[in-house]
Amino acid sequence: MARIDAASAVVLCLVLAWTWMPAAEGVKKRPASAARKEDVPFIKCQVCEKVASQLYLQVQKKQAQISPKKISEYEVIEIAENICNLKKEEADWMLKIDIVEQGDKLELVDQDTEGICNSECKTIEKACQEVMGYSDTDVAEYLYNSKPQIDSLVDFLCKDLSRACSSKPPPLPKDRTPGEAFMPKPAKDAEMEKIMRSMEGMPGAPGMKMYSRDELMNMKNLGEEDDDEEEDEDEDAHFPSKLGKVLREKEGRKGDWKQKLTEGIKTTGEVLKRHADKVSFRLQKWWRGIRRPDSKKNSKTGKSEL
């Protein structure tokens, strides 16, 4: 049974610390933004062309990484499945695009750096998902077997499969509310997102999901304990508050917050290990409970056959 090792526990503590850092640094929490579905028809063709280009480039990049080994069809399908999911690395290209209003049209303008993902980012994701639909396997098969150039891939995806570019987009309404300005993402946010993404699916933290900074800040409970556990219930049930309490301590404002963070990490790491042990024990108990009836059933069946 996999458990969270010491290194994973430390990184998890750093993630928890990151969620409380705005209170210490005075950074304002941003409200979550939703996609503007009404804008999708105006950018759908452009998004499709971007998707085709990204599919081609990312397959080429993957092939270069594993060379001389040949890229597998499964790896190509995985890229196609993740290309429109903002929680996956394959969709990072969306973060470098700004939607700009030009006359009666919306234009996708490439930026040099990643931006904060607000409504425009979510709108591009929505358009991308509509383009791909259920065609991710088809376009991956075409990529793998035919090895087309970008122009051929654009025609196949945007005209044959999705028909996203089969007609011109409608004129933009004059009363459209302008979107938000492009805002570059702070370097520390980008770095923390990479750390969290690298932890996703790691052996020490199975099933870990990728959450944004705002999602983590809005979480009220990270988990609930069962009533039948007798050991360390009160202490473990609120283990994230230990680190938050250290960071919010008013009496120690004059001291070094890094030292407090280190102490909080050490304490929280120990509690995380206990949580991993409890989860492991419960899973084993649950698994034995499932298998036990089957074993009895098989035993009775075997006797009747004899």
C-alpha atoms as a PDB file:
ATOM      1  CA  MET A   1       0.000   0.000   0.000  1.00  0.00           C
ATOM      2  CA  ALA A   2       1.478   3.344  -1.113  1.00  0.00           C
ATOM      3  CA  ARG A   3       2.069   5.975   1.536  1.00  0.00           C
ATOM      4  CA  ILE A   4       3.152   9.609   1.558  1.00  0.00           C
ATOM      5  CA  ASP A   5       6.902   9.726   2.108  1.00  0.00           C
ATOM      6  CA  ALA A   6       8.804  12.475   3.897  1.00  0.00           C
ATOM      7  CA  ALA A   7       9.625  14.403   0.722  1.00  0.00           C
ATOM      8  CA  SER A   8       5.999  14.385  -0.422  1.00  0.00           C
ATOM      9  CA  ALA A   9       4.869  15.522   3.029  1.00  0.00           C
ATOM     10  CA  VAL A  10       7.213  18.524   2.906  1.00  0.00           C
ATOM     11  CA  VAL A  11       5.968  19.536  -0.542  1.00  0.00           C
ATOM     12  CA  LEU A  12       2.377  19.177   0.608  1.00  0.00           C
ATOM     13  CA  CYS A  13       3.163  21.451   3.540  1.00  0.00           C
ATOM     14  CA  LEU A  14       4.625  24.019   1.168  1.00  0.00           C
ATOM     15  CA  VAL A  15       1.434  23.873  -0.872  1.00  0.00           C
ATOM     16  CA  LEU A  16      -0.608  24.489   2.260  1.00  0.00           C
ATOM     17  CA  ALA A  17       1.669  27.366   3.196  1.00  0.00           C
ATOM     18  CA  TRP A  18       1.196  28.848  -0.267  1.00  0.00           C
ATOM     19  CA  THR A  19      -2.578  28.930   0.208  1.00  0.00           C
ATOM     20  CA  TRP A  20      -2.155  31.057   3.372  1.00  0.00           C
ATOM     21  CA  MET A  21       0.586  33.334   2.042  1.00  0.00           C
ATOM     22  CA  PRO A  22      -1.805  36.053   0.739  1.00  0.00           C
ATOM     23  CA  ALA A  23      -2.813  36.806   4.331  1.00  0.00           C
ATOM     24  CA  ALA A  24       0.834  37.423   5.204  1.00  0.00           C
ATOM     25  CA  GLU A  25       1.828  39.268   2.058  1.00  0.00           C
ATOM     26  CA  GLY A  26      -1.297  41.343   1.518  1.00  0.00           C
ATOM     27  CA  VAL A  27      -2.185  39.778  -1.831  1.00  0.00           C
ATOM     28  CA  LYS A  28      -5.879  40.114  -2.618  1.00  0.00           C
ATOM     29  CA  LYS A  29      -7.805  36.989  -3.493  1.00  0.00           C
ATOM     30  CA  ARG A  30      -9.222  37.075  -7.029  1.00  0.00           C
ATOM     31  CA  PRO A  31     -12.809  35.972  -7.678  1.00  0.00           C
ATOM     32  CA  ALA A  32     -13.219  32.929  -9.905  1.00  0.00           C
ATOM     33  CA  SER A  33     -14.170  33.698 -13.515  1.00  0.00           C
ATOM     34  CA  ALA A  34     -16.374  31.699 -15.865  1.00  0.00           C
ATOM     35  CA  ALA A  35     -16.216  31.254 -19.625  1.00  0.00           C
ATOM     36  CA  ARG A  36     -18.120  33.711 -21.793  1.00  0.00           C
ATOM     37  CA  LYS A  37     -20.047  31.203 -23.910  1.00  0.00           C
ATOM     38  CA  GLU A  38     -21.461  33.963 -26.107  1.00  0.00           C
ATOM     39  CA  ASP A  39     -17.932  34.700 -27.385  1.00  0.00           C
ATOM     40  CA  VAL A  40     -17.222  31.123 -28.520  1.00  0.00           C
ATOM     41  CA  PRO A  41     -18.695  31.464 -32.067  1.00  0.00           C
ATOM     42  CA  PHE A  42     -16.445  34.447 -32.769  1.00  0.00           C
ATOM     43  CA  ILE A  43     -13.191  32.637 -31.914  1.00  0.00           C
ATOM     44  CA  LYS A  44     -13.998  28.982 -32.653  1.00  0.00           C
ATOM     45  CA  CYS A  45     -12.179  28.822 -35.990  1.00  0.00           C
ATOM     46  CA  GLN A  46      -9.087  30.595 -34.650  1.00  0.00           C
ATOM     47  CA  VAL A  47      -9.020  28.293 -31.620  1.00  0.00           C
ATOM     48  CA  CYS A  48      -9.279  25.270 -33.910  1.00  0.00           C
ATOM     49  CA  GLU A  49      -6.266  26.444 -35.902  1.00  0.00           C
ATOM     50  CA  LYS A  50      -4.342  26.947 -32.650  1.00  0.00           C
ATOM     51  CA  VAL A  51      -5.307  23.459 -31.475  1.00  0.00           C
ATOM     52  CA  ALA A  52      -4.120  21.864 -34.711  1.00  0.00           C
ATOM     53  CA  SER A  53      -0.836  23.738 -34.507  1.00  0.00           C
ATOM     54  CA  GLN A  54      -0.334  22.748 -30.873  1.00  0.00           C
ATOM     55  CA  LEU A  55      -1.105  19.097 -31.591  1.00  0.00           C
ATOM     56  CA  TYR A  56       1.513  19.040 -34.305  1.00  0.00           C
ATOM     57  CA  LEU A  57       4.161  20.849 -32.239  1.00  0.00           C
ATOM     58  CA  GLN A  58       3.573  18.835 -29.053  1.00  0.00           C
ATOM     59  CA  VAL A  59       3.752  15.511 -30.890  1.00  0.00           C
ATOM     60  CA  GLN A  60       7.020  16.632 -32.471  1.00  0.00           C
ATOM     61  CA  LYS A  61       8.341  17.739 -29.074  1.00  0.00           C
ATOM     62  CA  LYS A  62       7.396  14.425 -27.471  1.00  0.00           C
ATOM     63  CA  GLN A  63       9.077  12.515 -30.264  1.00  0.00           C
ATOM     64  CA  ALA A  64      12.273  14.529 -29.776  1.00  0.00           C
ATOM     65  CA  GLN A  65      12.212  13.829 -26.018  1.00  0.00           C
ATOM     66  CA  ILE A  66      11.994  10.055 -26.379  1.00  0.00           C
ATOM     67  CA  SER A  67      14.168   9.701 -29.487  1.00  0.00           C
ATOM     68  CA  PRO A  68      15.386   7.255 -30.808  1.00  0.00           C
ATOM     69  CA  LYS A  69      12.300   5.478 -29.459  1.00  0.00           C
ATOM     70  CA  LYS A  70       9.230   6.035 -31.630  1.00  0.00           C
ATOM     71  CA  ILE A  71       6.248   7.814 -30.139  1.00  0.00           C
ATOM     72  CA  SER A  72       3.329   5.461 -29.509  1.00  0.00           C
ATOM     73  CA  GLU A  73      -0.265   5.963 -30.593  1.00  0.00           C
ATOM     74  CA  TYR A  74      -1.277   5.988 -26.940  1.00  0.00           C
ATOM     75  CA  GLU A  75       1.042   8.955 -26.277  1.00  0.00           C
ATOM     76  CA  VAL A  76      -0.450  10.845 -29.211  1.00  0.00           C
ATOM     77  CA  ILE A  77      -3.976  10.124 -27.938  1.00  0.00           C
ATOM     78  CA  GLU A  78      -2.982  11.369 -24.478  1.00  0.00           C
ATOM     79  CA  ILE A  79      -1.825  14.686 -25.955  1.00  0.00           C
ATOM     80  CA  ALA A  80      -5.085  15.019 -27.905  1.00  0.00           C
ATOM     81  CA  GLU A  81      -7.160  14.258 -24.801  1.00  0.00           C
ATOM     82  CA  ASN A  82      -5.350  16.861 -22.657  1.00  0.00           C
ATOM     83  CA  ILE A  83      -4.951  19.655 -25.211  1.00  0.00           C
ATOM     84  CA  CYS A  84      -8.202  21.344 -24.077  1.00  0.00           C
ATOM     85  CA  ASN A  85      -7.903  20.763 -20.317  1.00  0.00           C
ATOM     86  CA  LEU A  86      -6.502  23.751 -18.440  1.00  0.00           C
ATOM     87  CA  LYS A  87      -5.423  21.506 -15.567  1.00  0.00           C
ATOM     88  CA  LYS A  88      -3.028  19.677 -17.876  1.00  0.00           C
ATOM     89  CA  GLU A  89       0.362  20.821 -19.131  1.00  0.00           C
ATOM     90  CA  GLU A  90      -0.687  20.245 -22.749  1.00  0.00           C
ATOM     91  CA  ALA A  91      -3.170  23.133 -22.433  1.00  0.00           C
ATOM     92  CA  ASP A  92      -0.677  25.746 -21.199  1.00  0.00           C
ATOM     93  CA  TRP A  93      -0.762  27.337 -24.660  1.00  0.00           C
ATOM     94  CA  MET A  94      -4.132  28.892 -23.729  1.00  0.00           C
ATOM     95  CA  LEU A  95      -2.489  30.939 -20.980  1.00  0.00           C
ATOM     96  CA  LYS A  96      -0.439  32.866 -23.548  1.00  0.00           C
ATOM     97  CA  ILE A  97      -3.383  34.146 -25.591  1.00  0.00           C
ATOM     98  CA  ASP A  98      -5.268  37.410 -25.235  1.00  0.00           C
ATOM     99  CA  ILE A  99      -8.702  37.924 -26.822  1.00  0.00           C
ATOM    100  CA  VAL A 100      -8.713  41.384 -28.410  1.00  0.00           C
ATOM    101  CA  GLU A 101     -11.685  43.177 -29.931  1.00  0.00           C
ATOM    102  CA  GLN A 102     -10.867  44.580 -33.369  1.00  0.00           C
ATOM    103  CA  GLY A 103     -13.781  46.224 -35.121  1.00  0.00           C
ATOM    104  CA  ASP A 104     -16.547  43.653 -35.524  1.00  0.00           C
ATOM    105  CA  LYS A 105     -14.215  40.719 -34.846  1.00  0.00           C
ATOM    106  CA  LEU A 106     -12.401  39.058 -31.963  1.00  0.00           C
ATOM    107  CA  GLU A 107      -8.753  38.247 -32.523  1.00  0.00           C
ATOM    108  CA  LEU A 108      -6.537  35.818 -30.607  1.00  0.00           C
ATOM    109  CA  VAL A 109      -3.237  37.595 -29.926  1.00  0.00           C
ATOM    110  CA  ASP A 110      -0.224  35.579 -28.758  1.00  0.00           C
ATOM    111  CA  GLN A 111       1.659  36.861 -25.707  1.00  0.00           C
ATOM    112  CA  ASP A 112       5.259  36.291 -24.616  1.00  0.00           C
ATOM    113  CA  THR A 113       4.349  35.081 -21.141  1.00  0.00           C
ATOM    114  CA  GLU A 114       1.570  33.216 -19.358  1.00  0.00           C
ATOM    115  CA  GLY A 115      -1.291  35.307 -18.048  1.00  0.00           C
ATOM    116  CA  ILE A 116      -3.691  34.952 -15.136  1.00  0.00           C
ATOM    117  CA  CYS A 117      -6.492  32.632 -16.197  1.00  0.00           C
ATOM    118  CA  ASN A 118      -9.697  34.659 -16.017  1.00  0.00           C
ATOM    119  CA  SER A 119     -12.796  34.506 -18.214  1.00  0.00           C
ATOM    120  CA  GLU A 120     -10.870  34.785 -21.496  1.00  0.00           C
ATOM    121  CA  CYS A 121      -8.768  31.756 -20.665  1.00  0.00           C
ATOM    122  CA  LYS A 122     -11.886  29.754 -19.764  1.00  0.00           C
ATOM    123  CA  THR A 123     -13.595  30.940 -22.965  1.00  0.00           C
ATOM    124  CA  ILE A 124     -10.724  29.610 -25.074  1.00  0.00           C
ATOM    125  CA  GLU A 125     -10.928  26.319 -23.188  1.00  0.00           C
ATOM    126  CA  LYS A 126     -14.674  26.131 -23.887  1.00  0.00           C
ATOM    127  CA  ALA A 127     -14.137  26.782 -27.594  1.00  0.00           C
ATOM    128  CA  CYS A 128     -11.355  24.190 -27.681  1.00  0.00           C
ATOM    129  CA  GLN A 129     -13.611  21.572 -26.089  1.00  0.00           C
ATOM    130  CA  GLU A 130     -16.332  22.263 -28.635  1.00  0.00           C
ATOM    131  CA  VAL A 131     -13.800  21.907 -31.447  1.00  0.00           C
ATOM    132  CA  MET A 132     -12.415  18.610 -30.225  1.00  0.00           C
ATOM    133  CA  GLY A 133     -15.685  17.129 -28.973  1.00  0.00           C
ATOM    134  CA  TYR A 134     -15.370  13.381 -29.421  1.00  0.00           C
ATOM    135  CA  SER A 135     -12.787  13.783 -32.199  1.00  0.00           C
ATOM    136  CA  ASP A 136      -9.657  13.494 -30.056  1.00  0.00           C
ATOM    137  CA  THR A 137      -9.156   9.819 -30.919  1.00  0.00           C
ATOM    138  CA  ASP A 138      -9.798  10.422 -34.632  1.00  0.00           C
ATOM    139  CA  VAL A 139      -7.345  13.295 -34.900  1.00  0.00           C
ATOM    140  CA  ALA A 140      -4.771  11.360 -32.869  1.00  0.00           C
ATOM    141  CA  GLU A 141      -5.101   8.379 -35.220  1.00  0.00           C
ATOM    142  CA  TYR A 142      -4.684  10.701 -38.216  1.00  0.00           C
ATOM    143  CA  LEU A 143      -1.617  12.283 -36.623  1.00  0.00           C
ATOM    144  CA  TYR A 144      -0.051   8.927 -35.807  1.00  0.00           C
ATOM    145  CA  ASN A 145      -0.723   7.136 -39.090  1.00  0.00           C
ATOM    146  CA  SER A 146      -0.540   9.923 -41.700  1.00  0.00           C
ATOM    147  CA  LYS A 147       2.072  12.179 -40.037  1.00  0.00           C
ATOM    148  CA  PRO A 148       0.620  15.293 -41.753  1.00  0.00           C
ATOM    149  CA  GLN A 149       2.047  18.780 -41.899  1.00  0.00           C
ATOM    150  CA  ILE A 150       0.322  21.580 -39.988  1.00  0.00           C
ATOM    151  CA  ASP A 151      -1.737  22.813 -42.981  1.00  0.00           C
ATOM    152  CA  SER A 152      -3.122  19.343 -43.648  1.00  0.00           C
ATOM    153  CA  LEU A 153      -3.884  18.854 -39.961  1.00  0.00           C
ATOM    154  CA  VAL A 154      -5.757  22.187 -39.823  1.00  0.00           C
ATOM    155  CA  ASP A 155      -7.906  21.179 -42.790  1.00  0.00           C
ATOM    156  CA  PHE A 156      -8.634  17.755 -41.301  1.00  0.00           C
ATOM    157  CA  LEU A 157      -9.590  19.031 -37.834  1.00  0.00           C
ATOM    158  CA  CYS A 158     -11.204  22.387 -38.653  1.00  0.00           C
ATOM    159  CA  LYS A 159     -12.996  21.554 -41.903  1.00  0.00           C
ATOM    160  CA  ASP A 160     -13.528  17.797 -42.040  1.00  0.00           C
ATOM    161  CA  LEU A 161     -13.997  16.785 -38.393  1.00  0.00           C
ATOM    162  CA  SER A 162     -15.303  19.780 -36.442  1.00  0.00           C
ATOM    163  CA  ARG A 163     -16.250  22.094 -39.345  1.00  0.00           C
ATOM    164  CA  ALA A 164     -15.232  24.973 -37.077  1.00  0.00           C
ATOM    165  CA  CYS A 165     -13.846  26.877 -40.076  1.00  0.00           C
ATOM    166  CA  SER A 166     -16.464  25.852 -42.622  1.00  0.00           C
ATOM    167  CA  SER A 167     -18.023  29.335 -42.477  1.00  0.00           C
ATOM    168  CA  LYS A 168     -17.016  32.829 -41.411  1.00  0.00           C
ATOM    169  CA  PRO A 169     -17.793  33.891 -37.829  1.00  0.00           C
ATOM    170  CA  PRO A 170     -20.750  36.262 -37.354  1.00  0.00           C
ATOM    171  CA  PRO A 171     -20.126  39.992 -36.856  1.00  0.00           C
ATOM    172  CA  LEU A 172     -19.470  41.035 -33.286  1.00  0.00           C
ATOM    173  CA  PRO A 173     -22.414  42.758 -31.533  1.00  0.00           C
ATOM    174  CA  LYS A 174     -21.815  46.461 -30.999  1.00  0.00           C
ATOM    175  CA  ASP A 175     -23.039  46.282 -27.413  1.00  0.00           C
ATOM    176  CA  ARG A 176     -20.633  43.493 -26.405  1.00  0.00           C
ATOM    177  CA  THR A 177     -19.078  44.025 -22.981  1.00  0.00           C
ATOM    178  CA  PRO A 178     -15.270  44.172 -23.357  1.00  0.00           C
ATOM    179  CA  GLY A 179     -13.233  41.431 -21.740  1.00  0.00           C
ATOM    180  CA  GLU A 180     -10.597  41.895 -19.068  1.00  0.00           C
ATOM    181  CA  ALA A 181      -7.085  43.068 -19.899  1.00  0.00           C
ATOM    182  CA  PHE A 182      -4.299  40.508 -20.169  1.00  0.00           C
ATOM    183  CA  MET A 183      -2.438  40.256 -16.852  1.00  0.00           C
ATOM    184  CA  PRO A 184       0.896  38.388 -16.665  1.00  0.00           C
ATOM    185  CA  LYS A 185       0.940  35.640 -14.055  1.00  0.00           C
ATOM    186  CA  PRO A 186       3.264  36.208 -11.040  1.00  0.00           C
ATOM    187  CA  ALA A 187       6.349  34.009 -11.184  1.00  0.00           C
ATOM    188  CA  LYS A 188       5.687  32.465  -7.746  1.00  0.00           C
ATOM    189  CA  ASP A 189       2.177  31.400  -8.812  1.00  0.00           C
ATOM    190  CA  ALA A 190       3.497  29.768 -11.964  1.00  0.00           C
ATOM    191  CA  GLU A 191       6.202  27.951  -9.997  1.00  0.00           C
ATOM    192  CA  MET A 192       3.751  26.616  -7.399  1.00  0.00           C
ATOM    193  CA  GLU A 193       1.396  25.380 -10.118  1.00  0.00           C
ATOM    194  CA  LYS A 194       4.281  23.457 -11.674  1.00  0.00           C
ATOM    195  CA  ILE A 195       5.095  21.874  -8.295  1.00  0.00           C
ATOM    196  CA  MET A 196       1.499  20.821  -7.773  1.00  0.00           C
ATOM    197  CA  ARG A 197       1.255  19.454 -11.302  1.00  0.00           C
ATOM    198  CA  SER A 198       4.454  17.441 -10.848  1.00  0.00           C
ATOM    199  CA  MET A 199       2.929  15.876  -7.709  1.00  0.00           C
ATOM    200  CA  GLU A 200      -0.210  14.785  -9.541  1.00  0.00           C
ATOM    201  CA  GLY A 201      -0.206  11.014  -9.843  1.00  0.00           C
ATOM    202  CA  MET A 202       3.110  10.570  -8.004  1.00  0.00           C
ATOM    203  CA  PRO A 203       3.570   7.266  -6.085  1.00  0.00           C
ATOM    204  CA  GLY A 204       3.620   9.048  -2.741  1.00  0.00           C
ATOM    205  CA  ALA A 205       0.327  10.858  -3.356  1.00  0.00           C
ATOM    206  CA  PRO A 206      -2.000   8.690  -5.442  1.00  0.00           C
ATOM    207  CA  GLY A 207      -5.073  10.283  -6.961  1.00  0.00           C
ATOM    208  CA  MET A 208      -3.964  13.822  -6.170  1.00  0.00           C
ATOM    209  CA  LYS A 209      -5.889  16.466  -8.129  1.00  0.00           C
ATOM    210  CA  MET A 210      -4.686  19.745  -9.569  1.00  0.00           C
ATOM    211  CA  TYR A 211      -6.345  22.799  -8.006  1.00  0.00           C
ATOM    212  CA  SER A 212      -5.868  26.472  -8.748  1.00  0.00           C
ATOM    213  CA  ARG A 213      -4.819  28.972  -6.057  1.00  0.00           C
ATOM    214  CA  ASP A 214      -8.370  30.341  -5.789  1.00  0.00           C
ATOM    215  CA  GLU A 215      -9.867  26.845  -5.524  1.00  0.00           C
ATOM    216  CA  LEU A 216      -7.522  26.027  -2.663  1.00  0.00           C
ATOM    217  CA  MET A 217      -8.373  29.291  -0.901  1.00  0.00           C
ATOM    218  CA  ASN A 218     -12.111  28.586  -1.216  1.00  0.00           C
ATOM    219  CA  MET A 219     -11.903  25.089   0.264  1.00  0.00           C
ATOM    220  CA  LYS A 220     -13.604  24.960   3.668  1.00  0.00           C
ATOM    221  CA  ASN A 221     -12.605  21.389   4.553  1.00  0.00           C
ATOM    222  CA  LEU A 222      -9.747  19.279   3.235  1.00  0.00           C
ATOM    223  CA  GLY A 223     -11.332  16.088   4.571  1.00  0.00           C
ATOM    224  CA  GLU A 224     -13.445  14.560   7.310  1.00  0.00           C
ATOM    225  CA  GLU A 225     -12.532  11.872   9.800  1.00  0.00           C
ATOM    226  CA  ASP A 226     -14.697   8.846  10.601  1.00  0.00           C
ATOM    227  CA  ASP A 227     -16.283   8.686  14.049  1.00  0.00           C
ATOM    228  CA  ASP A 228     -14.977   5.176  14.769  1.00  0.00           C
ATOM    229  CA  GLU A 229     -11.312   6.222  14.950  1.00  0.00           C
ATOM    230  CA  GLU A 230     -10.074   6.594  18.519  1.00  0.00           C
ATOM    231  CA  GLU A 231      -6.516   7.870  18.133  1.00  0.00           C
ATOM    232  CA  ASP A 232      -5.576  11.501  17.636  1.00  0.00           C
ATOM    233  CA  GLU A 233      -8.998  12.472  16.261  1.00  0.00           C
ATOM    234  CA  ASP A 234      -9.072  16.029  17.524  1.00  0.00           C
ATOM    235  CA  GLU A 235      -5.489  16.711  16.591  1.00  0.00           C
ATOM    236  CA  ASP A 236      -5.544  15.203  13.103  1.00  0.00           C
ATOM    237  CA  ALA A 237      -8.938  16.445  11.951  1.00  0.00           C
ATOM    238  CA  HIS A 238      -7.690  20.017  11.752  1.00  0.00           C
ATOM    239  CA  PHE A 239      -4.040  19.490  10.838  1.00  0.00           C
ATOM    240  CA  PRO A 240      -3.954  22.304   8.186  1.00  0.00           C
ATOM    241  CA  SER A 241      -4.860  24.842  10.876  1.00  0.00           C
ATOM    242  CA  LYS A 242      -1.529  24.210  12.593  1.00  0.00           C
ATOM    243  CA  LEU A 243       0.362  25.740   9.711  1.00  0.00           C
ATOM    244  CA  GLY A 244      -2.163  28.527   9.285  1.00  0.00           C
ATOM    245  CA  LYS A 245      -1.941  29.335  12.970  1.00  0.00           C
ATOM    246  CA  VAL A 246       1.833  29.614  12.762  1.00  0.00           C
ATOM    247  CA  LEU A 247       1.619  31.961   9.787  1.00  0.00           C
ATOM    248  CA  ARG A 248      -1.072  34.112  11.391  1.00  0.00           C
ATOM    249  CA  GLU A 249       0.529  34.353  14.828  1.00  0.00           C
ATOM    250  CA  LYS A 250       0.300  37.998  15.827  1.00  0.00           C
ATOM    251  CA  GLU A 251       2.666  37.819  18.725  1.00  0.00           C
ATOM    252  CA  GLY A 252       5.579  36.701  16.580  1.00  0.00           C
ATOM    253  CA  ARG A 253       5.312  39.250  13.777  1.00  0.00           C
ATOM    254  CA  LYS A 254       8.730  40.635  14.607  1.00  0.00           C
ATOM    255  CA  GLY A 255      10.355  37.230  14.227  1.00  0.00           C
ATOM    256  CA  ASP A 256      11.428  35.456  11.084  1.00  0.00           C
ATOM    257  CA  TRP A 257       8.353  34.011   9.308  1.00  0.00           C
ATOM    258  CA  LYS A 258      10.558  31.503   7.518  1.00  0.00           C
ATOM    259  CA  GLN A 259      11.513  29.951  10.843  1.00  0.00           C
ATOM    260  CA  LYS A 260       7.845  29.694  11.800  1.00  0.00           C
ATOM    261  CA  LEU A 261       7.036  28.122   8.454  1.00  0.00           C
ATOM    262  CA  THR A 262       9.765  25.535   8.963  1.00  0.00           C
ATOM    263  CA  GLU A 263       8.392  24.629  12.382  1.00  0.00           C
ATOM    264  CA  GLY A 264       4.886  24.381  10.927  1.00  0.00           C
ATOM    265  CA  ILE A 265       6.107  22.134   8.133  1.00  0.00           C
ATOM    266  CA  LYS A 266       7.807  19.813  10.606  1.00  0.00           C
ATOM    267  CA  THR A 267       4.671  19.504  12.749  1.00  0.00           C
ATOM    268  CA  THR A 268       2.273  19.156   9.846  1.00  0.00           C
ATOM    269  CA  GLY A 269       4.523  16.604   8.147  1.00  0.00           C
ATOM    270  CA  GLU A 270       4.226  14.288  11.143  1.00  0.00           C
ATOM    271  CA  VAL A 271       0.441  14.595  11.113  1.00  0.00           C
ATOM    272  CA  LEU A 272       0.353  13.924   7.372  1.00  0.00           C
ATOM    273  CA  LYS A 273       2.207  10.675   7.933  1.00  0.00           C
ATOM    274  CA  ARG A 274      -0.341   9.616  10.522  1.00  0.00           C
ATOM    275  CA  HIS A 275      -3.118  10.421   8.089  1.00  0.00           C
ATOM    276  CA  ALA A 276      -1.440   8.270   5.436  1.00  0.00           C
ATOM    277  CA  ASP A 277      -1.218   5.391   7.909  1.00  0.00           C
ATOM    278  CA  LYS A 278      -4.916   5.745   8.752  1.00  0.00           C
ATOM    279  CA  VAL A 279      -5.958   5.814   5.105  1.00  0.00           C
ATOM    280  CA  SER A 280      -3.823   2.745   4.436  1.00  0.00           C
ATOM    281  CA  PHE A 281      -5.404   0.888   7.375  1.00  0.00           C
ATOM    282  CA  ARG A 282      -8.920   1.782   6.312  1.00  0.00           C
ATOM    283  CA  LEU A 283      -8.351   0.676   2.716  1.00  0.00           C
ATOM    284  CA  GLN A 284      -6.937  -2.651   3.881  1.00  0.00           C
ATOM    285  CA  LYS A 285      -9.902  -3.124   6.240  1.00  0.00           C
ATOM    286  CA  TRP A 286     -12.350  -2.244   3.467  1.00  0.00           C
ATOM    287  CA  TRP A 287     -10.635  -4.603   1.019  1.00  0.00           C
ATOM    288  CA  ARG A 288     -10.687  -7.485   3.500  1.00  0.00           C
ATOM    289  CA  GLY A 289     -14.385  -6.833   4.107  1.00  0.00           C
ATOM    290  CA  ILE A 290     -15.114  -7.088   0.373  1.00  0.00           C
ATOM    291  CA  ARG A 291     -13.084 -10.212  -0.220  1.00  0.00           C
ATOM    292  CA  ARG A 292     -14.318 -12.116   2.858  1.00  0.00           C
ATOM    293  CA  PRO A 293     -17.878 -12.763   1.527  1.00  0.00           C
ATOM    294  CA  ASP A 294     -16.440 -13.907  -1.800  1.00  0.00           C
ATOM    295  CA  SER A 295     -14.136 -16.333  -0.045  1.00  0.00           C
ATOM    296  CA  LYS A 296     -17.018 -17.869   1.918  1.00  0.00           C
ATOM    297  CA  LYS A 297     -19.117 -18.140  -1.215  1.00  0.00           C
ATOM    298  CA  ASN A 298     -16.344 -19.859  -3.133  1.00  0.00           C
ATOM    299  CA  SER A 299     -15.772 -22.245  -0.214  1.00  0.00           C
ATOM    300  CA  LYS A 300     -19.446 -23.334  -0.166  1.00  0.00           C
ATOM    301  CA  THR A 301     -19.484 -23.702  -3.927  1.00  0.00           C
ATOM    302  CA  GLY A 302     -16.401 -25.881  -3.826  1.00  0.00           C
ATOM    303  CA  LYS A 303     -17.965 -28.231  -1.214  1.00  0.00           C
ATOM    304  CA  SER A 304     -21.146 -28.662  -3.218  1.00  0.00           C
ATOM    305  CA  GLU A 305     -19.174 -29.523  -6.337  1.00  0.00           C
ATOM    306  CA  LEU A 306     -17.179 -32.147  -4.455  1.00  0.00           C
END
